[in-house]
Amino acid sequence: MKAMVTGGAGFIGSHVVDALLAQGISVVVVDDLSTGVREQVPSLATFYRIPLLDPKLEQVIALEQPDAVIHQAAQVSVEASLRDPLFDASNNILGTIRLLEYCRKHGVAKMVYASSCAVYGNPGTDPIAEEHPVQPLSAYGASKAAPELYLRLYHELYGMQYTVLRYANVYGPRQRSGGEGAVVPAFIARLLTNRPPIVHGDGLQRRDFVFVKDVAQANVAALSVASSSVMNIGSNSSVSILEVLRLLQAEIGRDVLPVRGPSRPGDIRQSRLASARAFEILKWKPRYDLQEGLRETVAFYRKAMERQF
């Protein structure tokens, strides 16, 4: 089997590539390196540096003939989406439509699409099941929701199979500040350099944090099952931002007091995903609890900082 991973040099995408290669799957990576890192792509993967909106992407798909595409490439910052919704939509909506068209024309059998809990907005239930209304609070949430409709359309019109994975707040090694769940690397960077972490709002916002290696395994599982399905990928638990900070302070051994920042537009107050559908269909469950995941994440950033000096 051959899988193409868009955004495969990025945070989540590079972990997906690692998980695919570990299963003996041939991997093609497409990434423009705007946020991805070339060194995060293993030598066993074939790499193309191409933006999602570049027509040359069709040539790559025609040449490589992947059986499936795992679509991770996206603009992932809520704040950036509110500043520039046109840029956000061109990447997340138009980029996905172009990709779907190329896949249709060249016989790609399936797409696994990285969606987001941001599509739900402020939830009316706890936990949030997949049937919850889609009512995003940000342009980012809207631009992640729209491709789900196109995936269903391409399935009904052309028979293309798909699986939508709505991620909770993903964290772990290789994450950059600025995207969903990026409070973790932001806190770690400040604590390791003995600077006060910045807590936006009161810090009591609750999030469902899921470790990136668990998310990667969900993507691998979705290649062969869960066709035409939408499912949540989360830990089925939630924790406050202040509690995440407390855990990181204990792990790093620095009790640096935070400073308060303003609440951010589009910030959801509480989010916890019900992942029973993924448990049942994908036979997937997260292996890492939050403390284990944070420990591995801190170790990664410690080593990265040591290499700088």
Protein backbone atom coordinates (compact mmCIF):
# COMPACT_ATOMS: atom_id res chain seq x y z
CA MET A 1 0.00 0.00 0.00
CA LYS A 2 1.12 3.55 -0.72
CA ALA A 3 -0.16 6.57 1.25
CA MET A 4 0.42 10.25 0.54
CA VAL A 5 0.55 12.54 3.59
CA THR A 6 -0.03 16.24 2.96
CA GLY A 7 1.65 18.33 5.63
CA GLY A 8 3.87 15.34 6.38
CA ALA A 9 6.78 17.49 7.54
CA GLY A 10 4.64 19.18 10.17
CA PHE A 11 3.77 18.41 13.76
CA ILE A 12 1.01 15.82 13.41
CA GLY A 13 1.84 14.82 9.85
CA SER A 14 5.41 13.78 10.63
CA HIS A 15 4.18 11.49 13.40
CA VAL A 16 1.65 10.00 10.97
CA VAL A 17 4.51 9.33 8.54
CA ASP A 18 6.50 7.58 11.27
CA ALA A 19 3.50 5.40 12.16
CA LEU A 20 2.85 4.47 8.52
CA LEU A 21 6.46 3.50 7.89
CA ALA A 22 6.45 1.39 11.06
CA GLN A 23 3.59 -0.59 9.49
CA GLY A 24 5.53 -1.18 6.27
CA ILE A 25 3.41 1.25 4.24
CA SER A 26 5.10 3.17 1.43
CA VAL A 27 4.84 6.92 2.09
CA VAL A 28 4.90 10.04 -0.08
CA VAL A 29 5.11 13.38 1.75
CA VAL A 30 3.90 16.68 0.30
CA ASP A 31 4.70 19.80 2.30
CA ASP A 32 5.60 23.40 1.44
CA LEU A 33 7.72 23.73 4.63
CA SER A 34 5.94 26.95 5.58
CA THR A 35 5.61 25.48 9.07
CA GLY A 36 6.95 21.96 8.54
CA VAL A 37 10.58 20.91 9.01
CA ARG A 38 12.39 18.93 6.31
CA GLU A 39 14.46 17.04 8.89
CA GLN A 40 11.25 15.59 10.35
CA VAL A 41 10.64 13.59 7.17
CA PRO A 42 12.37 10.17 7.36
CA SER A 43 14.66 9.18 4.49
CA LEU A 44 12.39 6.21 3.73
CA ALA A 45 9.62 8.57 2.64
CA THR A 46 9.55 10.25 -0.79
CA PHE A 47 9.39 14.02 -0.31
CA TYR A 48 7.98 16.79 -2.52
CA ARG A 49 8.16 20.43 -1.52
CA ILE A 50 4.92 21.72 -3.06
CA PRO A 51 2.23 24.06 -1.69
CA LEU A 52 -1.25 22.59 -1.48
CA LEU A 53 -2.55 25.18 -3.97
CA ASP A 54 0.18 24.53 -6.55
CA PRO A 55 -1.15 22.79 -9.71
CA LYS A 56 2.05 20.70 -9.75
CA LEU A 57 0.49 18.68 -6.94
CA GLU A 58 -1.64 16.95 -9.57
CA GLN A 59 1.51 15.80 -11.36
CA VAL A 60 2.81 14.28 -8.14
CA ILE A 61 -0.43 12.36 -7.57
CA ALA A 62 -0.45 11.17 -11.18
CA LEU A 63 3.17 10.03 -10.88
CA GLU A 64 3.03 8.41 -7.44
CA GLN A 65 -0.46 6.86 -7.73
CA PRO A 66 -1.15 6.64 -3.97
CA ASP A 67 -3.87 4.30 -2.77
CA ALA A 68 -4.90 6.81 -0.11
CA VAL A 69 -4.24 10.38 0.96
CA ILE A 70 -3.99 11.41 4.60
CA HIS A 71 -4.72 15.12 4.48
CA GLN A 72 -3.00 16.92 7.35
CA ALA A 73 -1.93 20.15 5.62
CA ALA A 74 -3.84 23.16 6.92
CA GLN A 75 -3.75 26.64 8.35
CA VAL A 76 -4.26 25.80 12.04
CA SER A 77 -4.24 29.09 13.96
CA VAL A 78 -7.61 30.35 15.22
CA GLU A 79 -6.17 33.85 15.68
CA ALA A 80 -4.71 33.89 12.16
CA SER A 81 -8.04 32.75 10.73
CA LEU A 82 -9.79 35.72 12.33
CA ARG A 83 -7.15 38.17 11.11
CA ASP A 84 -7.19 36.82 7.56
CA PRO A 85 -10.19 34.58 6.83
CA LEU A 86 -9.48 34.64 3.09
CA PHE A 87 -6.04 33.13 3.57
CA ASP A 88 -7.51 30.60 5.98
CA ALA A 89 -10.25 29.58 3.56
CA SER A 90 -7.93 29.40 0.55
CA ASN A 91 -5.73 26.90 2.35
CA ASN A 92 -8.28 24.85 4.25
CA ILE A 93 -11.25 24.90 1.88
CA LEU A 94 -9.96 25.57 -1.62
CA GLY A 95 -6.79 23.57 -0.98
CA THR A 96 -8.86 20.55 0.05
CA ILE A 97 -11.19 20.86 -2.95
CA ARG A 98 -8.20 20.95 -5.31
CA LEU A 99 -6.78 17.90 -3.61
CA LEU A 100 -10.10 16.06 -3.90
CA GLU A 101 -10.28 16.86 -7.61
CA TYR A 102 -6.77 15.53 -8.22
CA CYS A 103 -7.59 12.39 -6.25
CA ARG A 104 -10.77 11.85 -8.22
CA LYS A 105 -9.04 12.31 -11.57
CA HIS A 106 -6.24 9.89 -10.74
CA GLY A 107 -8.13 7.14 -8.97
CA VAL A 108 -7.15 7.63 -5.34
CA ALA A 109 -9.44 5.29 -3.42
CA LYS A 110 -9.65 7.03 -0.05
CA MET A 111 -8.93 10.20 1.88
CA VAL A 112 -8.43 10.45 5.64
CA TYR A 113 -9.12 14.05 6.60
CA ALA A 114 -7.87 15.86 9.69
CA SER A 115 -10.77 17.90 11.02
CA SER A 116 -11.08 19.56 14.42
CA CYS A 117 -13.16 19.88 17.54
CA ALA A 118 -13.34 23.58 16.59
CA VAL A 119 -16.23 22.70 14.25
CA TYR A 120 -18.51 22.24 17.29
CA GLY A 121 -18.06 25.71 18.80
CA ASN A 122 -19.28 26.07 22.37
CA PRO A 123 -20.81 22.66 23.06
CA GLY A 124 -24.31 22.11 24.34
CA THR A 125 -23.36 18.67 25.66
CA ASP A 126 -20.51 17.16 27.63
CA PRO A 127 -18.95 15.10 26.21
CA ILE A 128 -19.49 16.11 22.58
CA ALA A 129 -20.63 13.31 20.26
CA GLU A 130 -20.30 13.43 16.49
CA GLU A 131 -24.01 14.20 16.13
CA HIS A 132 -23.57 17.55 17.91
CA PRO A 133 -24.49 20.52 15.68
CA VAL A 134 -21.62 22.07 13.75
CA GLN A 135 -21.55 25.72 14.87
CA PRO A 136 -17.95 27.02 14.87
CA LEU A 137 -16.93 30.20 16.68
CA SER A 138 -14.00 31.03 14.36
CA ALA A 139 -13.12 31.15 10.69
CA TYR A 140 -10.75 28.28 11.38
CA GLY A 141 -13.59 26.10 12.68
CA ALA A 142 -15.69 26.96 9.63
CA SER A 143 -12.83 26.21 7.23
CA LYS A 144 -12.29 22.79 8.81
CA ALA A 145 -16.00 21.97 8.68
CA ALA A 146 -16.59 22.85 5.01
CA PRO A 147 -14.31 20.13 3.55
CA GLU A 148 -16.29 17.51 5.46
CA LEU A 149 -19.26 18.37 3.22
CA TYR A 150 -17.14 18.07 0.10
CA LEU A 151 -15.82 14.69 1.20
CA ARG A 152 -19.37 13.41 1.55
CA LEU A 153 -20.23 14.89 -1.83
CA TYR A 154 -17.25 13.23 -3.57
CA HIS A 155 -18.23 9.94 -1.98
CA GLU A 156 -21.81 10.17 -3.20
CA LEU A 157 -20.93 11.43 -6.69
CA TYR A 158 -17.74 9.52 -7.43
CA GLY A 159 -17.53 6.70 -4.88
CA MET A 160 -14.39 8.03 -3.18
CA GLN A 161 -14.09 6.62 0.33
CA TYR A 162 -13.25 8.89 3.25
CA THR A 163 -12.83 9.08 6.99
CA VAL A 164 -13.08 12.36 8.89
CA LEU A 165 -11.15 12.50 12.16
CA ARG A 166 -12.19 15.41 14.38
CA TYR A 167 -9.20 15.95 16.63
CA ALA A 168 -9.31 17.19 20.18
CA ASN A 169 -6.37 19.41 21.24
CA VAL A 170 -3.33 17.55 19.99
CA TYR A 171 -0.01 18.05 21.79
CA GLY A 172 3.40 16.42 21.83
CA PRO A 173 6.95 16.55 20.44
CA ARG A 174 7.61 18.72 17.35
CA GLN A 175 4.68 21.05 18.01
CA ARG A 176 5.11 24.73 17.24
CA SER A 177 3.35 27.55 19.04
CA GLY A 178 0.34 29.06 17.28
CA GLY A 179 -1.93 26.12 16.49
CA GLU A 180 -4.55 24.20 18.40
CA GLY A 181 -3.24 22.74 21.66
CA ALA A 182 -0.13 24.93 21.33
CA VAL A 183 -0.45 26.12 24.91
CA VAL A 184 1.71 23.12 25.83
CA PRO A 185 4.89 24.09 23.89
CA ALA A 186 4.31 27.73 24.83
CA PHE A 187 4.26 26.87 28.54
CA ILE A 188 7.25 24.53 28.23
CA ALA A 189 9.38 27.09 26.40
CA ARG A 190 8.78 29.70 29.06
CA LEU A 191 9.26 27.37 32.01
CA LEU A 192 12.52 25.96 30.62
CA THR A 193 13.88 29.50 30.24
CA ASN A 194 12.52 30.60 33.63
CA ARG A 195 10.06 33.10 32.15
CA PRO A 196 6.47 33.49 33.38
CA PRO A 197 3.95 31.52 31.30
CA ILE A 198 1.10 33.53 29.79
CA VAL A 199 -2.41 32.35 30.67
CA HIS A 200 -5.12 33.87 28.49
CA GLY A 201 -8.35 34.63 30.33
CA ASP A 202 -8.89 32.98 33.70
CA GLY A 203 -7.21 29.70 32.75
CA LEU A 204 -10.28 27.69 33.68
CA GLN A 205 -11.06 26.85 30.06
CA ARG A 206 -11.20 23.07 29.83
CA ARG A 207 -9.74 21.11 26.96
CA ASP A 208 -9.49 17.52 25.83
CA PHE A 209 -5.77 16.95 25.24
CA VAL A 210 -4.73 13.95 23.13
CA PHE A 211 -1.12 12.89 22.52
CA VAL A 212 0.16 13.15 18.96
CA LYS A 213 1.39 9.55 18.73
CA ASP A 214 -2.10 8.34 19.61
CA VAL A 215 -3.53 10.57 16.88
CA ALA A 216 -1.05 9.10 14.39
CA GLN A 217 -2.23 5.58 15.21
CA ALA A 218 -5.84 6.63 14.61
CA ASN A 219 -4.88 7.80 11.12
CA VAL A 220 -3.19 4.50 10.30
CA ALA A 221 -6.23 2.56 11.53
CA ALA A 222 -8.56 4.73 9.43
CA LEU A 223 -6.85 3.71 6.18
CA SER A 224 -8.50 0.32 6.14
CA VAL A 225 -11.79 0.83 8.02
CA ALA A 226 -14.36 3.50 8.88
CA SER A 227 -15.23 4.39 5.30
CA SER A 228 -17.65 7.32 4.97
CA SER A 229 -17.46 7.96 8.71
CA VAL A 230 -16.92 10.99 10.93
CA MET A 231 -15.40 10.34 14.32
CA ASN A 232 -13.87 12.15 17.26
CA ILE A 233 -10.28 11.49 18.28
CA GLY A 234 -9.78 12.54 21.88
CA SER A 235 -8.95 11.32 25.35
CA ASN A 236 -12.59 11.38 26.55
CA SER A 237 -11.48 13.62 29.42
CA SER A 238 -10.87 17.32 29.95
CA VAL A 239 -8.53 19.41 32.04
CA SER A 240 -8.20 23.13 32.69
CA ILE A 241 -5.38 25.19 31.23
CA LEU A 242 -4.21 25.98 34.77
CA GLU A 243 -4.04 22.26 35.55
CA VAL A 244 -1.87 21.66 32.47
CA LEU A 245 0.42 24.42 33.70
CA ARG A 246 0.59 22.84 37.16
CA LEU A 247 1.55 19.46 35.69
CA LEU A 248 4.26 21.07 33.57
CA GLN A 249 5.62 23.06 36.51
CA ALA A 250 5.93 19.82 38.48
CA GLU A 251 7.54 17.94 35.56
CA ILE A 252 10.06 20.69 34.82
CA GLY A 253 10.63 21.57 38.46
CA ARG A 254 10.03 25.30 38.13
CA ASP A 255 7.15 26.95 39.92
CA VAL A 256 7.19 30.15 37.87
CA LEU A 257 4.01 32.14 38.43
CA PRO A 258 2.00 32.90 35.28
CA VAL A 259 0.99 36.30 34.02
CA ARG A 260 -2.53 36.93 32.74
CA GLY A 261 -3.23 37.72 29.12
CA PRO A 262 -6.52 38.80 27.54
CA SER A 263 -9.13 36.26 26.53
CA ARG A 264 -8.82 35.36 22.86
CA PRO A 265 -11.62 35.74 20.30
CA GLY A 266 -13.04 32.41 19.21
CA ASP A 267 -11.76 30.66 22.33
CA ILE A 268 -14.07 27.82 23.35
CA ARG A 269 -14.88 27.60 27.06
CA GLN A 270 -15.08 23.83 27.40
CA SER A 271 -14.44 20.92 25.07
CA ARG A 272 -14.41 17.17 25.71
CA LEU A 273 -14.94 14.72 22.90
CA ALA A 274 -16.83 11.45 23.11
CA SER A 275 -14.62 8.99 21.21
CA ALA A 276 -16.74 5.84 21.54
CA ARG A 277 -17.20 5.60 17.78
CA ALA A 278 -13.44 5.50 17.21
CA PHE A 279 -13.09 2.95 20.01
CA GLU A 280 -15.68 0.72 18.31
CA ILE A 281 -14.87 1.13 14.62
CA LEU A 282 -11.14 1.83 14.59
CA LYS A 283 -10.43 -0.39 17.60
CA TRP A 284 -8.44 2.63 18.75
CA LYS A 285 -7.89 4.01 22.22
CA PRO A 286 -5.31 6.53 23.43
CA ARG A 287 -2.37 4.78 25.08
CA TYR A 288 -0.92 7.89 26.72
CA ASP A 289 -2.48 9.66 29.66
CA LEU A 290 -1.81 13.38 30.01
CA GLN A 291 1.03 13.05 32.50
CA GLU A 292 2.88 10.50 30.35
CA GLY A 293 2.42 12.59 27.24
CA LEU A 294 3.61 15.77 28.92
CA ARG A 295 6.66 13.95 30.29
CA GLU A 296 7.68 12.80 26.81
CA THR A 297 6.98 16.24 25.38
CA VAL A 298 9.11 18.01 28.00
CA ALA A 299 11.97 15.57 27.37
CA PHE A 300 11.84 16.38 23.65
CA TYR A 301 12.06 20.13 24.24
CA ARG A 302 14.84 19.74 26.82
CA LYS A 303 16.94 17.89 24.24
CA ALA A 304 16.12 20.44 21.57
CA MET A 305 17.24 23.26 23.87
CA GLU A 306 20.45 21.43 24.77
CA ARG A 307 21.31 21.12 21.07
CA GLN A 308 21.08 24.90 20.72
CA PHE A 309 23.81 25.51 23.26
